[in-house]
Amino acid sequence: MFWTIIGLIFTGLIIGLLGRLFLPGKQRIGMLATIGVGILGTLIGYGIAAALGVEETRGIDWIRWIISIAVSAGLVALVAGYLNKGRSRM
C-alpha cells in the first residue's frame, strides 16, 4: 500500500507535467499546483480506466496512461482558467 501511494505520487508528478506540456500556450499555474493536479488526474484516470475495464493489462497500460494524461491536461486547463479569471478581477 505504501509503495502504491508513493508510485501514484511520482506518476502524478510526471503526468501533471505531461498534461501541462500538451496544453497550448502558457498557463498561469504554479509547479506545485501542476503536480497536485497531476496526482489528482492520475487517481481520476485510474478510476476511469478501471470503470472501462482496463485496470490491469499485460505490459504497459497505455490506455490508462493516455486517460490519466488527458484528465490531467483537462484539470490543468480548468485550474489555469480559474486562476486567470481570479487575477483578471483584481
N, C-alpha and C. Protein backbone atom coordinates (compact mmCIF):
# COMPACT_ATOMS: atom_id res chain seq x y z
N MET A 1 0.81 -1.20 0.00
CA MET A 1 0.00 0.00 0.00
C MET A 1 0.86 1.26 0.00
N PHE A 2 1.90 1.29 0.84
CA PHE A 2 2.79 2.44 0.92
C PHE A 2 3.44 2.71 -0.43
N TRP A 3 3.95 1.66 -1.07
CA TRP A 3 4.63 1.84 -2.34
C TRP A 3 3.66 2.22 -3.46
N THR A 4 2.42 1.80 -3.33
CA THR A 4 1.41 2.20 -4.31
C THR A 4 1.17 3.70 -4.23
N ILE A 5 1.08 4.23 -3.03
CA ILE A 5 0.87 5.66 -2.84
C ILE A 5 2.07 6.45 -3.34
N ILE A 6 3.27 6.00 -3.00
CA ILE A 6 4.49 6.66 -3.47
C ILE A 6 4.54 6.62 -5.00
N GLY A 7 4.19 5.48 -5.57
CA GLY A 7 4.17 5.34 -7.03
C GLY A 7 3.17 6.27 -7.68
N LEU A 8 1.98 6.41 -7.08
CA LEU A 8 0.98 7.32 -7.63
C LEU A 8 1.42 8.77 -7.53
N ILE A 9 2.10 9.13 -6.45
CA ILE A 9 2.60 10.50 -6.32
C ILE A 9 3.65 10.78 -7.38
N PHE A 10 4.58 9.86 -7.55
CA PHE A 10 5.62 10.02 -8.57
C PHE A 10 5.02 10.05 -9.97
N THR A 11 4.09 9.14 -10.22
CA THR A 11 3.42 9.09 -11.51
C THR A 11 2.61 10.35 -11.74
N GLY A 12 1.93 10.84 -10.71
CA GLY A 12 1.17 12.07 -10.81
C GLY A 12 2.04 13.26 -11.14
N LEU A 13 3.23 13.31 -10.58
CA LEU A 13 4.18 14.37 -10.90
C LEU A 13 4.51 14.36 -12.38
N ILE A 14 4.85 13.20 -12.89
CA ILE A 14 5.21 13.08 -14.31
C ILE A 14 4.00 13.37 -15.20
N ILE A 15 2.85 12.82 -14.86
CA ILE A 15 1.66 13.01 -15.69
C ILE A 15 1.18 14.45 -15.62
N GLY A 16 1.30 15.11 -14.48
CA GLY A 16 0.95 16.52 -14.39
C GLY A 16 1.80 17.37 -15.32
N LEU A 17 3.09 17.07 -15.34
CA LEU A 17 3.98 17.81 -16.23
C LEU A 17 3.68 17.50 -17.70
N LEU A 18 3.36 16.24 -18.00
CA LEU A 18 2.98 15.89 -19.37
C LEU A 18 1.66 16.55 -19.76
N GLY A 19 0.72 16.58 -18.84
CA GLY A 19 -0.55 17.24 -19.11
C GLY A 19 -0.36 18.72 -19.40
N ARG A 20 0.53 19.35 -18.68
CA ARG A 20 0.85 20.76 -18.91
C ARG A 20 1.55 20.94 -20.25
N LEU A 21 2.41 20.00 -20.60
CA LEU A 21 3.15 20.07 -21.86
C LEU A 21 2.22 20.02 -23.06
N PHE A 22 1.13 19.26 -22.97
CA PHE A 22 0.22 19.10 -24.10
C PHE A 22 -0.74 20.27 -24.27
N LEU A 23 -0.81 21.18 -23.29
CA LEU A 23 -1.68 22.34 -23.42
C LEU A 23 -0.97 23.43 -24.21
N PRO A 24 -1.66 24.05 -25.17
CA PRO A 24 -1.03 25.12 -25.93
C PRO A 24 -0.92 26.40 -25.10
N GLY A 25 0.08 27.22 -25.39
CA GLY A 25 0.23 28.50 -24.70
C GLY A 25 0.86 28.36 -23.33
N LYS A 26 0.89 29.47 -22.61
CA LYS A 26 1.47 29.49 -21.28
C LYS A 26 0.36 29.54 -20.24
N GLN A 27 0.44 28.70 -19.25
CA GLN A 27 -0.56 28.65 -18.20
C GLN A 27 -0.04 29.41 -16.98
N ARG A 28 -0.95 30.07 -16.30
CA ARG A 28 -0.59 30.78 -15.07
C ARG A 28 -0.92 29.89 -13.88
N ILE A 29 -0.21 28.82 -13.78
CA ILE A 29 -0.41 27.88 -12.68
C ILE A 29 0.98 27.46 -12.21
N GLY A 30 1.17 27.45 -10.90
CA GLY A 30 2.46 27.12 -10.34
C GLY A 30 2.81 25.64 -10.49
N MET A 31 4.08 25.35 -10.28
CA MET A 31 4.55 23.97 -10.44
C MET A 31 3.93 23.05 -9.37
N LEU A 32 3.79 23.53 -8.14
CA LEU A 32 3.18 22.69 -7.10
C LEU A 32 1.72 22.40 -7.42
N ALA A 33 1.01 23.39 -7.95
CA ALA A 33 -0.38 23.16 -8.35
C ALA A 33 -0.43 22.17 -9.51
N THR A 34 0.51 22.27 -10.43
CA THR A 34 0.58 21.33 -11.55
C THR A 34 0.79 19.91 -11.05
N ILE A 35 1.69 19.75 -10.09
CA ILE A 35 1.95 18.43 -9.52
C ILE A 35 0.71 17.90 -8.80
N GLY A 36 0.07 18.76 -8.00
CA GLY A 36 -1.15 18.35 -7.30
C GLY A 36 -2.25 17.95 -8.25
N VAL A 37 -2.42 18.73 -9.31
CA VAL A 37 -3.43 18.41 -10.32
C VAL A 37 -3.05 17.11 -11.04
N GLY A 38 -1.76 16.90 -11.26
CA GLY A 38 -1.31 15.66 -11.88
C GLY A 38 -1.62 14.44 -11.03
N ILE A 39 -1.42 14.56 -9.74
CA ILE A 39 -1.73 13.45 -8.83
C ILE A 39 -3.23 13.19 -8.85
N LEU A 40 -4.02 14.25 -8.78
CA LEU A 40 -5.48 14.10 -8.82
C LEU A 40 -5.92 13.52 -10.17
N GLY A 41 -5.33 14.00 -11.25
CA GLY A 41 -5.65 13.47 -12.58
C GLY A 41 -5.29 12.01 -12.73
N THR A 42 -4.18 11.61 -12.13
CA THR A 42 -3.78 10.21 -12.16
C THR A 42 -4.79 9.34 -11.43
N LEU A 43 -5.20 9.77 -10.25
CA LEU A 43 -6.19 9.00 -9.50
C LEU A 43 -7.51 8.90 -10.25
N ILE A 44 -7.97 10.02 -10.81
CA ILE A 44 -9.22 10.00 -11.57
C ILE A 44 -9.06 9.15 -12.83
N GLY A 45 -7.92 9.29 -13.51
CA GLY A 45 -7.66 8.49 -14.72
C GLY A 45 -7.64 7.00 -14.43
N TYR A 46 -7.03 6.62 -13.32
CA TYR A 46 -7.02 5.20 -12.94
C TYR A 46 -8.43 4.72 -12.66
N GLY A 47 -9.25 5.57 -12.02
CA GLY A 47 -10.64 5.20 -11.74
C GLY A 47 -11.45 5.04 -13.02
N ILE A 48 -11.25 5.95 -13.97
CA ILE A 48 -11.94 5.84 -15.25
C ILE A 48 -11.51 4.59 -15.99
N ALA A 49 -10.20 4.31 -15.99
CA ALA A 49 -9.70 3.10 -16.65
C ALA A 49 -10.29 1.85 -16.02
N ALA A 50 -10.38 1.83 -14.69
CA ALA A 50 -10.96 0.68 -14.01
C ALA A 50 -12.43 0.52 -14.38
N ALA A 51 -13.15 1.65 -14.49
CA ALA A 51 -14.56 1.59 -14.87
C ALA A 51 -14.75 1.09 -16.29
N LEU A 52 -13.75 1.37 -17.15
CA LEU A 52 -13.81 0.91 -18.54
C LEU A 52 -13.30 -0.52 -18.70
N GLY A 53 -12.78 -1.10 -17.62
CA GLY A 53 -12.31 -2.48 -17.67
C GLY A 53 -10.87 -2.64 -18.12
N VAL A 54 -10.08 -1.58 -18.10
CA VAL A 54 -8.67 -1.67 -18.50
C VAL A 54 -7.75 -1.39 -17.30
N GLU A 55 -8.20 -1.83 -16.14
CA GLU A 55 -7.44 -1.57 -14.92
C GLU A 55 -6.10 -2.31 -14.93
N GLU A 56 -6.10 -3.54 -15.30
CA GLU A 56 -4.88 -4.35 -15.33
C GLU A 56 -4.73 -5.02 -16.68
N THR A 57 -3.62 -4.75 -17.33
CA THR A 57 -3.31 -5.40 -18.60
C THR A 57 -1.89 -5.92 -18.53
N ARG A 58 -1.55 -6.78 -19.46
CA ARG A 58 -0.16 -7.26 -19.52
C ARG A 58 0.70 -6.17 -20.15
N GLY A 59 1.88 -5.99 -19.61
CA GLY A 59 2.79 -4.99 -20.16
C GLY A 59 2.46 -3.60 -19.65
N ILE A 60 2.75 -2.61 -20.49
CA ILE A 60 2.49 -1.22 -20.13
C ILE A 60 1.03 -0.91 -20.37
N ASP A 61 0.41 -0.26 -19.41
CA ASP A 61 -1.00 0.09 -19.50
C ASP A 61 -1.16 1.41 -20.26
N TRP A 62 -1.03 1.35 -21.58
CA TRP A 62 -1.05 2.55 -22.41
C TRP A 62 -2.38 3.29 -22.31
N ILE A 63 -3.47 2.56 -22.30
CA ILE A 63 -4.78 3.21 -22.24
C ILE A 63 -4.93 3.97 -20.92
N ARG A 64 -4.49 3.35 -19.84
CA ARG A 64 -4.57 4.00 -18.53
C ARG A 64 -3.69 5.25 -18.50
N TRP A 65 -2.51 5.19 -19.10
CA TRP A 65 -1.62 6.35 -19.17
C TRP A 65 -2.24 7.47 -19.99
N ILE A 66 -2.81 7.13 -21.13
CA ILE A 66 -3.40 8.14 -22.00
C ILE A 66 -4.59 8.81 -21.32
N ILE A 67 -5.42 8.01 -20.65
CA ILE A 67 -6.56 8.58 -19.92
C ILE A 67 -6.06 9.50 -18.82
N SER A 68 -5.05 9.09 -18.08
CA SER A 68 -4.53 9.90 -16.98
C SER A 68 -3.93 11.21 -17.49
N ILE A 69 -3.21 11.18 -18.60
CA ILE A 69 -2.62 12.39 -19.18
C ILE A 69 -3.73 13.33 -19.65
N ALA A 70 -4.76 12.77 -20.30
CA ALA A 70 -5.87 13.59 -20.79
C ALA A 70 -6.62 14.25 -19.63
N VAL A 71 -6.88 13.48 -18.59
CA VAL A 71 -7.58 14.04 -17.42
C VAL A 71 -6.72 15.11 -16.76
N SER A 72 -5.43 14.87 -16.63
CA SER A 72 -4.53 15.86 -16.03
C SER A 72 -4.46 17.13 -16.87
N ALA A 73 -4.40 16.99 -18.19
CA ALA A 73 -4.37 18.17 -19.06
C ALA A 73 -5.66 18.96 -18.90
N GLY A 74 -6.78 18.27 -18.84
CA GLY A 74 -8.05 18.95 -18.64
C GLY A 74 -8.12 19.66 -17.31
N LEU A 75 -7.62 19.02 -16.26
CA LEU A 75 -7.63 19.65 -14.93
C LEU A 75 -6.69 20.84 -14.87
N VAL A 76 -5.51 20.73 -15.51
CA VAL A 76 -4.59 21.87 -15.55
C VAL A 76 -5.25 23.04 -16.28
N ALA A 77 -5.96 22.76 -17.38
CA ALA A 77 -6.65 23.81 -18.12
C ALA A 77 -7.74 24.45 -17.26
N LEU A 78 -8.50 23.63 -16.53
CA LEU A 78 -9.55 24.17 -15.66
C LEU A 78 -8.97 25.04 -14.55
N VAL A 79 -7.94 24.56 -13.90
CA VAL A 79 -7.33 25.31 -12.80
C VAL A 79 -6.70 26.60 -13.32
N ALA A 80 -5.99 26.52 -14.46
CA ALA A 80 -5.37 27.71 -15.03
C ALA A 80 -6.44 28.72 -15.43
N GLY A 81 -7.54 28.26 -16.01
CA GLY A 81 -8.63 29.16 -16.38
C GLY A 81 -9.26 29.81 -15.16
N TYR A 82 -9.44 29.02 -14.11
CA TYR A 82 -10.00 29.56 -12.86
C TYR A 82 -9.07 30.61 -12.26
N LEU A 83 -7.77 30.32 -12.25
CA LEU A 83 -6.80 31.27 -11.69
C LEU A 83 -6.71 32.52 -12.54
N ASN A 84 -6.82 32.40 -13.86
CA ASN A 84 -6.77 33.57 -14.73
C ASN A 84 -8.00 34.45 -14.51
N LYS A 85 -9.17 33.86 -14.28
CA LYS A 85 -10.37 34.64 -14.01
C LYS A 85 -10.21 35.43 -12.71
N GLY A 86 -9.67 34.79 -11.70
CA GLY A 86 -9.47 35.45 -10.41
C GLY A 86 -8.50 36.59 -10.49
N ARG A 87 -7.48 36.48 -11.31
CA ARG A 87 -6.48 37.54 -11.44
C ARG A 87 -6.99 38.69 -12.29
N SER A 88 -7.90 38.41 -13.22
CA SER A 88 -8.40 39.49 -14.08
C SER A 88 -9.36 40.39 -13.33
N ARG A 89 -9.96 39.92 -12.24
CA ARG A 89 -10.88 40.72 -11.46
C ARG A 89 -10.15 41.74 -10.57
N MET A 90 -8.91 41.45 -10.26
CA MET A 90 -8.17 42.31 -9.32
C MET A 90 -7.67 43.56 -9.98
